[in-house]
């Protein structure tokens, strides 16, 4: 999904001549951390509620705070994950969307981003979760898929991230079934390190975890 598909025009836009007091009121009314500032629809930047509240004189215009504007935005033809990154990077709960002419075409709220991100990650789909840890050199999507499919199951979603300290890769699998103990056993048979998993076998999962801790202790 592209950013242009998520925009709305409910968030007000500030003009340079608007007062700081007006901006503070709008930020509170719409419960946003930032507000966009435009000049003839051209995006100038975001002004934060914190900077508005820190102003010495709220009767002055927004123009007096121009040095505090944050130029955070995304283009209207990029993947929505770019908006997620912008929201995180600039710690804002709105993300401006601009066209090629730098006109402000709309705003994406983090509330809308969260909904889309949840759908993107398959949060609305029923299934089990398996989390593996491995060396990056061990990561092979084809083999992981084969192990899952050998148990008459399918990977709905796969996500991976690298631990900045250890360099180990964590792979999270969302499986299309909740009865996943057989899949977990197959992974372990192929020497994969299953950190934890979530399915219908919650009690069995705890026993499995305790057993692994015991084996680690006996190896000491």
N, C-alpha and C. Protein backbone atom coordinates (compact mmCIF):
# COMPACT_ATOMS: atom_id res chain seq x y z
N UNK A 1 0.85 -1.20 0.00
CA UNK A 1 0.00 0.00 0.00
C UNK A 1 0.88 1.24 0.00
N UNK A 2 0.52 2.22 -0.83
CA UNK A 2 1.29 3.45 -0.92
C UNK A 2 0.77 4.49 0.08
N UNK A 3 1.62 5.46 0.37
CA UNK A 3 1.27 6.49 1.34
C UNK A 3 0.04 7.29 0.89
N UNK A 4 -0.11 7.48 -0.40
CA UNK A 4 -1.24 8.26 -0.90
C UNK A 4 -2.57 7.59 -0.56
N UNK A 5 -2.56 6.29 -0.35
CA UNK A 5 -3.79 5.56 -0.03
C UNK A 5 -4.22 5.75 1.42
N UNK A 6 -3.36 6.34 2.25
CA UNK A 6 -3.66 6.45 3.68
C UNK A 6 -3.92 7.88 4.14
N UNK A 7 -3.82 8.84 3.24
CA UNK A 7 -3.89 10.23 3.69
C UNK A 7 -5.32 10.63 4.06
N UNK A 8 -5.38 11.57 4.98
CA UNK A 8 -6.66 12.21 5.31
C UNK A 8 -6.40 13.71 5.47
N UNK A 9 -7.44 14.47 5.41
CA UNK A 9 -7.31 15.93 5.49
C UNK A 9 -8.01 16.50 6.72
N UNK A 10 -8.12 15.67 7.75
CA UNK A 10 -8.80 16.12 8.97
C UNK A 10 -7.89 16.97 9.86
N UNK A 11 -6.59 16.77 9.76
CA UNK A 11 -5.65 17.53 10.58
C UNK A 11 -5.48 18.92 10.00
N UNK A 12 -5.67 19.96 10.79
CA UNK A 12 -5.55 21.33 10.26
C UNK A 12 -4.12 21.70 9.89
N UNK A 13 -4.00 22.66 9.00
CA UNK A 13 -2.71 23.17 8.56
C UNK A 13 -2.53 24.59 9.08
N UNK A 14 -1.34 24.88 9.51
CA UNK A 14 -1.05 26.22 10.01
C UNK A 14 -0.43 27.07 8.91
N UNK A 15 -0.71 28.37 8.99
CA UNK A 15 -0.06 29.35 8.15
C UNK A 15 0.95 30.13 9.00
N UNK A 16 1.94 30.70 8.37
CA UNK A 16 2.97 31.43 9.12
C UNK A 16 2.39 32.55 9.97
N UNK A 17 1.31 33.16 9.51
CA UNK A 17 0.74 34.29 10.24
C UNK A 17 -0.17 33.85 11.40
N UNK A 18 -0.47 32.56 11.50
CA UNK A 18 -1.29 32.09 12.62
C UNK A 18 -0.55 32.28 13.94
N UNK A 19 -1.31 32.53 14.98
CA UNK A 19 -0.69 32.76 16.28
C UNK A 19 -0.27 31.44 16.94
N UNK A 20 0.70 31.52 17.82
CA UNK A 20 1.15 30.36 18.58
C UNK A 20 0.01 29.84 19.45
N UNK A 21 -0.78 30.77 19.99
CA UNK A 21 -1.92 30.38 20.84
C UNK A 21 -2.91 29.53 20.05
N UNK A 22 -3.18 29.92 18.82
CA UNK A 22 -4.09 29.14 17.97
C UNK A 22 -3.53 27.75 17.70
N UNK A 23 -2.24 27.67 17.45
CA UNK A 23 -1.60 26.38 17.18
C UNK A 23 -1.67 25.47 18.41
N UNK A 24 -1.44 26.03 19.59
CA UNK A 24 -1.52 25.25 20.82
C UNK A 24 -2.92 24.69 21.00
N UNK A 25 -3.91 25.51 20.73
CA UNK A 25 -5.31 25.08 20.84
C UNK A 25 -5.61 23.94 19.88
N UNK A 26 -5.16 24.07 18.64
CA UNK A 26 -5.41 23.03 17.64
C UNK A 26 -4.70 21.73 17.97
N UNK A 27 -3.46 21.83 18.43
CA UNK A 27 -2.70 20.62 18.79
C UNK A 27 -3.41 19.87 19.91
N UNK A 28 -3.95 20.61 20.87
CA UNK A 28 -4.68 19.98 21.96
C UNK A 28 -6.00 19.39 21.51
N UNK A 29 -6.72 20.13 20.67
CA UNK A 29 -8.03 19.66 20.19
C UNK A 29 -7.91 18.38 19.37
N UNK A 30 -6.87 18.30 18.54
CA UNK A 30 -6.71 17.14 17.65
C UNK A 30 -5.76 16.08 18.21
N UNK A 31 -5.23 16.35 19.40
CA UNK A 31 -4.36 15.40 20.10
C UNK A 31 -3.19 14.94 19.24
N UNK A 32 -2.48 15.90 18.70
CA UNK A 32 -1.32 15.61 17.86
C UNK A 32 -0.07 16.21 18.49
N UNK A 33 1.06 15.57 18.23
CA UNK A 33 2.34 16.06 18.77
C UNK A 33 2.91 17.18 17.91
N UNK A 34 2.51 17.22 16.63
CA UNK A 34 3.00 18.21 15.69
C UNK A 34 1.85 18.69 14.80
N UNK A 35 2.07 19.84 14.19
CA UNK A 35 1.14 20.35 13.19
C UNK A 35 1.93 20.80 11.96
N UNK A 36 1.38 20.58 10.77
CA UNK A 36 2.08 21.02 9.56
C UNK A 36 1.90 22.53 9.33
N UNK A 37 2.94 23.15 8.80
CA UNK A 37 2.90 24.57 8.46
C UNK A 37 3.10 24.69 6.95
N UNK A 38 2.23 25.46 6.30
CA UNK A 38 2.30 25.62 4.84
C UNK A 38 2.26 27.09 4.47
N UNK A 39 2.70 27.35 3.25
CA UNK A 39 2.57 28.67 2.64
C UNK A 39 2.08 28.44 1.22
N UNK A 40 0.83 28.79 0.96
CA UNK A 40 0.20 28.53 -0.34
C UNK A 40 0.33 27.05 -0.71
N UNK A 41 0.02 26.19 0.24
CA UNK A 41 0.02 24.73 0.09
C UNK A 41 1.42 24.11 0.04
N UNK A 42 2.47 24.93 -0.04
CA UNK A 42 3.82 24.40 -0.01
C UNK A 42 4.20 24.07 1.43
N UNK A 43 4.70 22.86 1.64
CA UNK A 43 5.04 22.41 2.98
C UNK A 43 6.31 23.08 3.46
N UNK A 44 6.23 23.69 4.64
CA UNK A 44 7.39 24.36 5.24
C UNK A 44 8.02 23.52 6.35
N UNK A 45 7.21 22.71 7.00
CA UNK A 45 7.74 21.88 8.08
C UNK A 45 6.68 21.60 9.12
N UNK A 46 7.08 20.81 10.12
CA UNK A 46 6.21 20.53 11.26
C UNK A 46 6.67 21.36 12.45
N UNK A 47 5.72 21.83 13.22
CA UNK A 47 6.04 22.49 14.49
C UNK A 47 5.50 21.62 15.61
N UNK A 48 6.33 21.37 16.61
CA UNK A 48 5.93 20.48 17.69
C UNK A 48 5.14 21.21 18.77
N UNK A 49 4.28 20.48 19.44
CA UNK A 49 3.51 21.07 20.53
C UNK A 49 4.44 21.53 21.65
N UNK A 50 5.53 20.80 21.87
CA UNK A 50 6.49 21.19 22.91
C UNK A 50 7.10 22.55 22.61
N UNK A 51 7.49 22.77 21.36
CA UNK A 51 8.08 24.07 21.01
C UNK A 51 7.05 25.18 21.11
N UNK A 52 5.81 24.88 20.78
CA UNK A 52 4.75 25.88 20.93
C UNK A 52 4.56 26.27 22.39
N UNK A 53 4.54 25.27 23.26
CA UNK A 53 4.34 25.52 24.68
C UNK A 53 5.52 26.23 25.32
N UNK A 54 6.72 26.05 24.74
CA UNK A 54 7.93 26.69 25.28
C UNK A 54 8.09 28.14 24.83
N UNK A 55 7.25 28.57 23.90
CA UNK A 55 7.35 29.95 23.39
C UNK A 55 7.06 30.95 24.50
N UNK A 56 7.81 32.05 24.52
CA UNK A 56 7.66 33.06 25.57
C UNK A 56 6.36 33.84 25.44
N UNK A 57 5.92 34.07 24.20
CA UNK A 57 4.73 34.90 23.98
C UNK A 57 3.82 34.18 22.99
N UNK A 58 2.71 33.66 23.47
CA UNK A 58 1.81 32.88 22.60
C UNK A 58 1.02 33.76 21.63
N UNK A 59 1.12 35.07 21.78
CA UNK A 59 0.41 35.96 20.86
C UNK A 59 1.21 36.19 19.57
N UNK A 60 2.48 35.78 19.58
CA UNK A 60 3.31 35.95 18.39
C UNK A 60 2.89 34.95 17.31
N UNK A 61 3.35 35.17 16.09
CA UNK A 61 2.99 34.30 14.98
C UNK A 61 3.89 33.07 14.93
N UNK A 62 3.40 32.06 14.22
CA UNK A 62 4.18 30.83 14.02
C UNK A 62 5.51 31.12 13.33
N UNK A 63 5.53 32.17 12.53
CA UNK A 63 6.74 32.52 11.79
C UNK A 63 7.94 32.73 12.71
N UNK A 64 7.69 33.17 13.93
CA UNK A 64 8.79 33.41 14.87
C UNK A 64 9.45 32.12 15.34
N UNK A 65 8.80 31.00 15.09
CA UNK A 65 9.36 29.70 15.51
C UNK A 65 9.88 28.89 14.32
N UNK A 66 10.11 29.58 13.22
CA UNK A 66 10.48 28.87 11.99
C UNK A 66 11.78 28.08 12.14
N UNK A 67 12.65 28.53 13.01
CA UNK A 67 13.91 27.80 13.23
C UNK A 67 13.66 26.43 13.87
N UNK A 68 12.47 26.24 14.43
CA UNK A 68 12.15 24.96 15.10
C UNK A 68 11.39 24.00 14.19
N UNK A 69 11.11 24.40 12.97
CA UNK A 69 10.35 23.53 12.07
C UNK A 69 11.15 22.25 11.78
N UNK A 70 10.43 21.15 11.74
CA UNK A 70 11.03 19.84 11.42
C UNK A 70 10.58 19.45 10.02
N UNK A 71 11.52 19.18 9.14
CA UNK A 71 11.17 18.87 7.75
C UNK A 71 10.98 17.37 7.55
N UNK A 72 10.09 16.80 8.34
CA UNK A 72 9.77 15.37 8.23
C UNK A 72 8.57 15.19 7.32
N UNK A 73 8.72 14.33 6.31
CA UNK A 73 7.61 14.06 5.40
C UNK A 73 7.93 12.81 4.59
N UNK A 74 6.93 12.33 3.87
CA UNK A 74 7.14 11.25 2.89
C UNK A 74 6.49 11.68 1.58
N UNK A 75 6.97 11.09 0.51
CA UNK A 75 6.35 11.35 -0.80
C UNK A 75 5.05 10.55 -0.92
N UNK A 76 4.21 10.95 -1.85
CA UNK A 76 2.89 10.32 -1.97
C UNK A 76 2.91 9.02 -2.78
N UNK A 77 4.08 8.64 -3.31
CA UNK A 77 4.15 7.46 -4.16
C UNK A 77 5.11 6.39 -3.63
N UNK A 78 5.31 6.38 -2.29
CA UNK A 78 6.22 5.40 -1.69
C UNK A 78 5.42 4.45 -0.80
N UNK A 79 6.05 3.34 -0.43
CA UNK A 79 5.39 2.34 0.41
C UNK A 79 5.10 2.92 1.80
N UNK A 80 4.02 2.49 2.41
CA UNK A 80 3.61 3.06 3.69
C UNK A 80 4.63 2.84 4.80
N UNK A 81 5.52 1.84 4.66
CA UNK A 81 6.53 1.61 5.68
C UNK A 81 7.48 2.80 5.81
N UNK A 82 7.62 3.59 4.75
CA UNK A 82 8.40 4.82 4.84
C UNK A 82 7.79 5.80 5.82
N UNK A 83 6.46 5.82 5.89
CA UNK A 83 5.77 6.69 6.84
C UNK A 83 5.97 6.19 8.27
N UNK A 84 5.98 4.87 8.43
CA UNK A 84 6.25 4.30 9.75
C UNK A 84 7.64 4.72 10.22
N UNK A 85 8.62 4.63 9.33
CA UNK A 85 9.98 5.02 9.67
C UNK A 85 10.08 6.50 10.02
N UNK A 86 9.38 7.34 9.26
CA UNK A 86 9.40 8.78 9.54
C UNK A 86 8.78 9.09 10.89
N UNK A 87 7.69 8.42 11.21
CA UNK A 87 7.03 8.63 12.50
C UNK A 87 7.95 8.27 13.66
N UNK A 88 8.66 7.15 13.51
CA UNK A 88 9.58 6.71 14.57
C UNK A 88 10.79 7.63 14.66
N UNK A 89 11.36 7.97 13.51
CA UNK A 89 12.59 8.78 13.48
C UNK A 89 12.39 10.16 14.07
N UNK A 90 11.22 10.76 13.83
CA UNK A 90 10.98 12.13 14.28
C UNK A 90 10.04 12.20 15.48
N UNK A 91 9.66 11.03 16.01
CA UNK A 91 8.83 10.96 17.22
C UNK A 91 7.59 11.83 17.08
N UNK A 92 6.86 11.60 16.00
CA UNK A 92 5.64 12.36 15.73
C UNK A 92 4.48 11.41 15.47
N UNK A 93 3.27 11.82 15.85
CA UNK A 93 2.12 10.95 15.59
C UNK A 93 1.34 11.36 14.34
N UNK A 94 1.94 12.24 13.53
CA UNK A 94 1.40 12.52 12.19
C UNK A 94 2.57 12.57 11.22
N UNK A 95 2.31 12.17 9.97
CA UNK A 95 3.35 12.21 8.93
C UNK A 95 2.78 12.94 7.71
N UNK A 96 3.36 14.08 7.32
CA UNK A 96 2.90 14.80 6.14
C UNK A 96 3.23 14.02 4.86
N UNK A 97 2.35 14.11 3.88
CA UNK A 97 2.55 13.47 2.58
C UNK A 97 2.61 14.56 1.53
N UNK A 98 3.70 14.58 0.74
CA UNK A 98 3.90 15.62 -0.26
C UNK A 98 3.92 15.02 -1.66
N UNK A 99 3.52 15.84 -2.63
CA UNK A 99 3.66 15.43 -4.03
C UNK A 99 5.00 15.93 -4.57
N UNK A 100 5.23 15.74 -5.86
CA UNK A 100 6.52 16.12 -6.45
C UNK A 100 6.76 17.62 -6.39
N UNK A 101 5.70 18.40 -6.30
CA UNK A 101 5.84 19.87 -6.24
C UNK A 101 5.97 20.36 -4.80
N UNK A 102 6.09 19.41 -3.87
CA UNK A 102 6.19 19.71 -2.43
C UNK A 102 4.92 20.35 -1.87
N UNK A 103 3.80 20.13 -2.53
CA UNK A 103 2.51 20.51 -1.97
C UNK A 103 2.12 19.49 -0.91
N UNK A 104 1.52 19.94 0.16
CA UNK A 104 1.02 19.04 1.20
C UNK A 104 -0.31 18.47 0.73
N UNK A 105 -0.33 17.20 0.40
CA UNK A 105 -1.56 16.58 -0.12
C UNK A 105 -2.38 15.92 0.98
N UNK A 106 -1.80 15.75 2.15
CA UNK A 106 -2.55 15.15 3.25
C UNK A 106 -1.64 14.71 4.38
N UNK A 107 -2.27 14.13 5.38
CA UNK A 107 -1.57 13.69 6.59
C UNK A 107 -1.89 12.21 6.83
N UNK A 108 -0.90 11.47 7.31
CA UNK A 108 -1.14 10.10 7.78
C UNK A 108 -0.97 10.09 9.29
N UNK A 109 -1.97 9.60 10.00
CA UNK A 109 -1.87 9.51 11.46
C UNK A 109 -1.25 8.18 11.86
N UNK A 110 -0.58 8.16 12.99
CA UNK A 110 0.02 6.91 13.46
C UNK A 110 -1.06 5.89 13.83
N UNK A 111 -2.25 6.36 14.18
CA UNK A 111 -3.35 5.44 14.45
C UNK A 111 -3.70 4.63 13.20
N UNK A 112 -3.76 5.33 12.05
CA UNK A 112 -4.03 4.63 10.79
C UNK A 112 -2.86 3.73 10.41
N UNK A 113 -1.64 4.21 10.68
CA UNK A 113 -0.46 3.40 10.38
C UNK A 113 -0.46 2.11 11.19
N UNK A 114 -0.86 2.20 12.45
CA UNK A 114 -0.89 1.02 13.31
C UNK A 114 -1.87 -0.02 12.78
N UNK A 115 -3.03 0.45 12.32
CA UNK A 115 -4.03 -0.48 11.78
C UNK A 115 -3.50 -1.20 10.54
N UNK A 116 -2.91 -0.42 9.63
CA UNK A 116 -2.38 -1.00 8.40
C UNK A 116 -1.20 -1.91 8.70
N UNK A 117 -0.36 -1.51 9.65
CA UNK A 117 0.80 -2.32 10.01
C UNK A 117 0.36 -3.64 10.62
N UNK A 118 -0.72 -3.59 11.41
CA UNK A 118 -1.26 -4.82 11.99
C UNK A 118 -1.75 -5.78 10.92
N UNK A 119 -2.47 -5.25 9.94
CA UNK A 119 -2.92 -6.09 8.82
C UNK A 119 -1.74 -6.61 8.02
N UNK A 120 -0.74 -5.76 7.82
CA UNK A 120 0.45 -6.13 7.06
C UNK A 120 1.19 -7.27 7.75
N UNK A 121 1.21 -7.26 9.08
CA UNK A 121 1.92 -8.29 9.84
C UNK A 121 1.05 -9.52 10.10
N UNK A 122 -0.20 -9.47 9.66
CA UNK A 122 -1.08 -10.62 9.83
C UNK A 122 -1.67 -10.75 11.22
N UNK A 123 -1.75 -9.64 11.94
CA UNK A 123 -2.29 -9.70 13.30
C UNK A 123 -3.75 -10.13 13.34
N UNK A 124 -4.45 -9.95 12.21
CA UNK A 124 -5.87 -10.30 12.17
C UNK A 124 -6.10 -11.74 11.68
N UNK A 125 -5.02 -12.47 11.44
CA UNK A 125 -5.14 -13.84 10.96
C UNK A 125 -4.86 -14.83 12.09
N UNK A 126 -5.66 -15.89 12.17
CA UNK A 126 -5.49 -16.89 13.21
C UNK A 126 -4.32 -17.79 12.86
N UNK A 127 -3.50 -18.10 13.84
CA UNK A 127 -2.38 -19.00 13.59
C UNK A 127 -1.41 -19.01 14.76
N UNK A 128 -0.36 -19.79 14.62
CA UNK A 128 0.65 -19.90 15.66
C UNK A 128 1.88 -19.08 15.31
N UNK A 129 2.71 -18.84 16.32
CA UNK A 129 3.94 -18.07 16.16
C UNK A 129 5.11 -18.93 16.62
N UNK A 130 6.14 -18.98 15.80
CA UNK A 130 7.38 -19.67 16.15
C UNK A 130 8.53 -18.68 15.97
N UNK A 131 9.39 -18.58 16.98
CA UNK A 131 10.52 -17.66 16.92
C UNK A 131 11.82 -18.47 16.98
N UNK A 132 12.65 -18.28 15.98
CA UNK A 132 13.92 -18.99 15.87
C UNK A 132 15.08 -18.01 16.05
N UNK A 133 16.20 -18.52 16.53
CA UNK A 133 17.42 -17.72 16.60
C UNK A 133 18.52 -18.49 15.91
N UNK A 134 19.29 -17.78 15.08
CA UNK A 134 20.31 -18.48 14.30
C UNK A 134 21.40 -17.51 13.85
N UNK A 135 22.51 -18.08 13.39
CA UNK A 135 23.52 -17.29 12.72
C UNK A 135 22.97 -16.86 11.37
N UNK A 136 23.41 -15.70 10.89
CA UNK A 136 22.91 -15.21 9.60
C UNK A 136 23.21 -16.19 8.47
N UNK A 137 24.36 -16.87 8.59
CA UNK A 137 24.74 -17.83 7.56
C UNK A 137 23.83 -19.05 7.54
N UNK A 138 23.09 -19.27 8.62
CA UNK A 138 22.20 -20.42 8.71
C UNK A 138 20.82 -20.13 8.10
N UNK A 139 20.55 -18.85 7.85
CA UNK A 139 19.23 -18.45 7.40
C UNK A 139 19.00 -18.85 5.95
N UNK A 140 18.02 -19.70 5.72
CA UNK A 140 17.65 -20.12 4.37
C UNK A 140 16.14 -20.24 4.31
N UNK A 141 15.51 -19.31 3.63
CA UNK A 141 14.04 -19.29 3.56
C UNK A 141 13.50 -20.59 2.97
N UNK A 142 14.20 -21.10 1.98
CA UNK A 142 13.70 -22.32 1.31
C UNK A 142 13.64 -23.50 2.28
N UNK A 143 14.65 -23.64 3.12
CA UNK A 143 14.66 -24.76 4.07
C UNK A 143 13.62 -24.56 5.17
N UNK A 144 13.49 -23.33 5.66
CA UNK A 144 12.50 -23.03 6.69
C UNK A 144 11.10 -23.31 6.15
N UNK A 145 10.83 -22.89 4.92
CA UNK A 145 9.53 -23.15 4.30
C UNK A 145 9.29 -24.65 4.13
N UNK A 146 10.34 -25.37 3.73
CA UNK A 146 10.20 -26.81 3.53
C UNK A 146 9.84 -27.52 4.83
N UNK A 147 10.45 -27.10 5.94
CA UNK A 147 10.16 -27.71 7.23
C UNK A 147 8.71 -27.47 7.63
N UNK A 148 8.24 -26.24 7.43
CA UNK A 148 6.86 -25.92 7.77
C UNK A 148 5.90 -26.69 6.88
N UNK A 149 6.18 -26.70 5.59
CA UNK A 149 5.29 -27.36 4.64
C UNK A 149 5.29 -28.88 4.80
N UNK A 150 6.38 -29.44 5.32
CA UNK A 150 6.43 -30.89 5.55
C UNK A 150 5.47 -31.31 6.66
N UNK A 151 4.99 -30.33 7.42
CA UNK A 151 4.00 -30.58 8.46
C UNK A 151 2.61 -30.09 8.03
N UNK A 152 2.40 -30.06 6.72
CA UNK A 152 1.10 -29.66 6.16
C UNK A 152 0.66 -28.28 6.64
N UNK A 153 1.61 -27.38 6.72
CA UNK A 153 1.32 -26.01 7.16
C UNK A 153 1.95 -25.02 6.19
N UNK A 154 1.58 -23.74 6.38
CA UNK A 154 2.07 -22.69 5.50
C UNK A 154 2.52 -21.50 6.34
N UNK A 155 3.58 -20.84 5.89
CA UNK A 155 4.03 -19.60 6.53
C UNK A 155 3.18 -18.45 6.00
N UNK A 156 2.44 -17.81 6.91
CA UNK A 156 1.64 -16.66 6.52
C UNK A 156 2.50 -15.40 6.41
N UNK A 157 3.39 -15.25 7.39
CA UNK A 157 4.29 -14.10 7.43
C UNK A 157 5.62 -14.52 8.04
N UNK A 158 6.69 -13.92 7.54
CA UNK A 158 8.02 -14.15 8.08
C UNK A 158 8.69 -12.80 8.29
N UNK A 159 9.26 -12.61 9.48
CA UNK A 159 9.95 -11.37 9.79
C UNK A 159 11.29 -11.70 10.44
N UNK A 160 12.30 -10.91 10.18
CA UNK A 160 13.61 -11.16 10.76
C UNK A 160 14.25 -9.86 11.22
N UNK A 161 15.05 -9.96 12.26
CA UNK A 161 15.84 -8.81 12.70
C UNK A 161 17.11 -9.30 13.36
N UNK A 162 18.14 -8.47 13.33
CA UNK A 162 19.45 -8.84 13.84
C UNK A 162 19.72 -8.15 15.17
N UNK A 163 20.18 -8.92 16.14
CA UNK A 163 20.54 -8.35 17.44
C UNK A 163 21.81 -7.53 17.27
N UNK A 164 21.75 -6.26 17.65
CA UNK A 164 22.88 -5.36 17.45
C UNK A 164 24.10 -5.76 18.28
N UNK A 165 23.87 -6.45 19.39
CA UNK A 165 24.97 -6.83 20.28
C UNK A 165 25.59 -8.16 19.87
N UNK A 166 24.75 -9.18 19.70
CA UNK A 166 25.25 -10.52 19.42
C UNK A 166 25.42 -10.81 17.93
N UNK A 167 24.71 -10.07 17.09
CA UNK A 167 24.76 -10.34 15.66
C UNK A 167 23.90 -11.51 15.24
N UNK A 168 23.20 -12.12 16.20
CA UNK A 168 22.35 -13.26 15.90
C UNK A 168 21.06 -12.79 15.22
N UNK A 169 20.55 -13.64 14.36
CA UNK A 169 19.34 -13.32 13.62
C UNK A 169 18.13 -13.97 14.31
N UNK A 170 17.11 -13.17 14.57
CA UNK A 170 15.86 -13.68 15.12
C UNK A 170 14.83 -13.72 13.99
N UNK A 171 14.25 -14.89 13.79
CA UNK A 171 13.28 -15.09 12.71
C UNK A 171 11.94 -15.45 13.33
N UNK A 172 10.93 -14.65 13.06
CA UNK A 172 9.58 -14.89 13.58
C UNK A 172 8.70 -15.40 12.45
N UNK A 173 8.08 -16.55 12.70
CA UNK A 173 7.21 -17.17 11.70
C UNK A 173 5.77 -17.15 12.19
N UNK A 174 4.87 -16.71 11.33
CA UNK A 174 3.44 -16.77 11.62
C UNK A 174 2.89 -17.91 10.77
N UNK A 175 2.42 -18.96 11.44
CA UNK A 175 1.97 -20.18 10.78
C UNK A 175 0.45 -20.19 10.69
N UNK A 176 -0.09 -20.87 9.68
CA UNK A 176 -1.54 -20.86 9.45
C UNK A 176 -2.30 -21.85 10.33
N UNK A 177 -1.68 -22.38 11.35
CA UNK A 177 -2.36 -23.27 12.28
C UNK A 177 -1.80 -23.05 13.68
N UNK A 178 -2.63 -23.33 14.68
CA UNK A 178 -2.20 -23.12 16.06
C UNK A 178 -1.55 -24.35 16.68
N UNK A 179 -1.86 -25.54 16.15
CA UNK A 179 -1.25 -26.76 16.67
C UNK A 179 0.12 -26.92 16.03
N UNK A 180 1.14 -26.36 16.68
CA UNK A 180 2.45 -26.23 16.03
C UNK A 180 3.55 -27.02 16.72
N UNK A 181 3.21 -27.86 17.69
CA UNK A 181 4.25 -28.61 18.41
C UNK A 181 5.02 -29.51 17.47
N UNK A 182 4.35 -30.10 16.46
CA UNK A 182 5.05 -30.98 15.51
C UNK A 182 6.05 -30.19 14.68
N UNK A 183 5.67 -28.94 14.32
CA UNK A 183 6.57 -28.10 13.53
C UNK A 183 7.79 -27.72 14.38
N UNK A 184 7.54 -27.38 15.64
CA UNK A 184 8.63 -27.04 16.55
C UNK A 184 9.60 -28.21 16.68
N UNK A 185 9.06 -29.42 16.84
CA UNK A 185 9.90 -30.61 16.96
C UNK A 185 10.75 -30.83 15.71
N UNK A 186 10.16 -30.56 14.54
CA UNK A 186 10.91 -30.74 13.29
C UNK A 186 12.05 -29.73 13.21
N UNK A 187 11.79 -28.49 13.59
CA UNK A 187 12.86 -27.49 13.59
C UNK A 187 14.00 -27.92 14.51
N UNK A 188 13.67 -28.41 15.67
CA UNK A 188 14.70 -28.82 16.61
C UNK A 188 15.46 -30.06 16.10
N UNK A 189 14.76 -30.91 15.37
CA UNK A 189 15.41 -32.09 14.81
C UNK A 189 16.45 -31.68 13.77
N UNK A 190 16.22 -30.52 13.14
CA UNK A 190 17.18 -30.00 12.18
C UNK A 190 18.13 -28.98 12.83
N UNK A 191 18.23 -29.04 14.15
CA UNK A 191 19.18 -28.24 14.93
C UNK A 191 18.91 -26.74 14.89
N UNK A 192 17.66 -26.36 14.70
CA UNK A 192 17.30 -24.95 14.84
C UNK A 192 17.03 -24.64 16.31
N UNK A 193 17.41 -23.46 16.73
CA UNK A 193 17.18 -23.03 18.11
C UNK A 193 15.83 -22.32 18.19
N UNK A 194 14.83 -23.01 18.74
CA UNK A 194 13.50 -22.43 18.90
C UNK A 194 13.48 -21.68 20.24
N UNK A 195 13.41 -20.35 20.19
CA UNK A 195 13.42 -19.55 21.42
C UNK A 195 12.11 -19.73 22.17
N UNK A 196 11.01 -19.54 21.49
CA UNK A 196 9.69 -19.76 22.08
C UNK A 196 8.66 -19.85 20.96
N UNK A 197 7.47 -20.27 21.34
CA UNK A 197 6.40 -20.35 20.36
C UNK A 197 5.06 -20.18 21.05
N UNK A 198 4.06 -19.80 20.28
CA UNK A 198 2.73 -19.54 20.81
C UNK A 198 1.71 -20.25 19.93
N UNK A 199 0.88 -21.07 20.56
CA UNK A 199 -0.18 -21.76 19.86
C UNK A 199 -1.16 -22.29 20.88
N UNK A 200 -1.86 -23.33 20.53
CA UNK A 200 -2.79 -23.94 21.48
C UNK A 200 -2.07 -24.70 22.58
N UNK A 201 -0.81 -25.04 22.34
CA UNK A 201 -0.07 -25.88 23.29
C UNK A 201 0.67 -25.03 24.31
N UNK A 202 -0.04 -24.09 24.96
CA UNK A 202 0.61 -23.18 25.89
C UNK A 202 1.26 -23.94 27.04
N UNK A 203 0.53 -24.93 27.59
CA UNK A 203 1.07 -25.69 28.72
C UNK A 203 2.28 -26.50 28.27
N UNK A 204 2.13 -27.12 27.08
CA UNK A 204 3.23 -27.91 26.55
C UNK A 204 4.44 -27.03 26.26
N UNK A 205 4.17 -25.80 25.84
CA UNK A 205 5.23 -24.85 25.55
C UNK A 205 6.05 -24.58 26.81
N UNK A 206 5.37 -24.42 27.95
CA UNK A 206 6.07 -24.16 29.20
C UNK A 206 6.91 -25.36 29.62
N UNK A 207 6.37 -26.57 29.45
CA UNK A 207 7.13 -27.77 29.76
C UNK A 207 8.37 -27.86 28.87
N UNK A 208 8.17 -27.55 27.59
CA UNK A 208 9.26 -27.57 26.63
C UNK A 208 10.36 -26.59 27.06
N UNK A 209 9.97 -25.39 27.49
CA UNK A 209 10.94 -24.40 27.92
C UNK A 209 11.69 -24.86 29.16
N UNK A 210 10.95 -25.42 30.13
CA UNK A 210 11.60 -25.91 31.35
C UNK A 210 12.57 -27.04 31.05
N UNK A 211 12.18 -27.91 30.11
CA UNK A 211 13.04 -29.03 29.73
C UNK A 211 14.35 -28.51 29.13
N UNK A 212 14.26 -27.50 28.27
CA UNK A 212 15.46 -26.95 27.65
C UNK A 212 16.37 -26.34 28.70
N UNK A 213 15.78 -25.63 29.68
CA UNK A 213 16.58 -25.03 30.76
C UNK A 213 17.29 -26.12 31.56
N UNK A 214 16.59 -27.23 31.81
CA UNK A 214 17.18 -28.33 32.55
C UNK A 214 18.35 -28.93 31.78
N UNK A 215 18.17 -29.14 30.49
CA UNK A 215 19.24 -29.72 29.67
C UNK A 215 20.45 -28.79 29.63
N UNK A 216 20.19 -27.49 29.54
CA UNK A 216 21.30 -26.54 29.56
C UNK A 216 22.05 -26.58 30.88
N UNK A 217 21.28 -26.74 31.97
CA UNK A 217 21.90 -26.81 33.28
C UNK A 217 22.76 -28.05 33.42
N UNK A 218 22.26 -29.19 32.92
CA UNK A 218 23.01 -30.44 33.01
C UNK A 218 24.26 -30.44 32.16
N UNK A 219 24.27 -29.59 31.11
CA UNK A 219 25.44 -29.51 30.24
C UNK A 219 26.57 -28.72 30.87
N UNK A 220 26.23 -27.94 31.91
CA UNK A 220 27.25 -27.09 32.55
C UNK A 220 28.29 -27.96 33.27
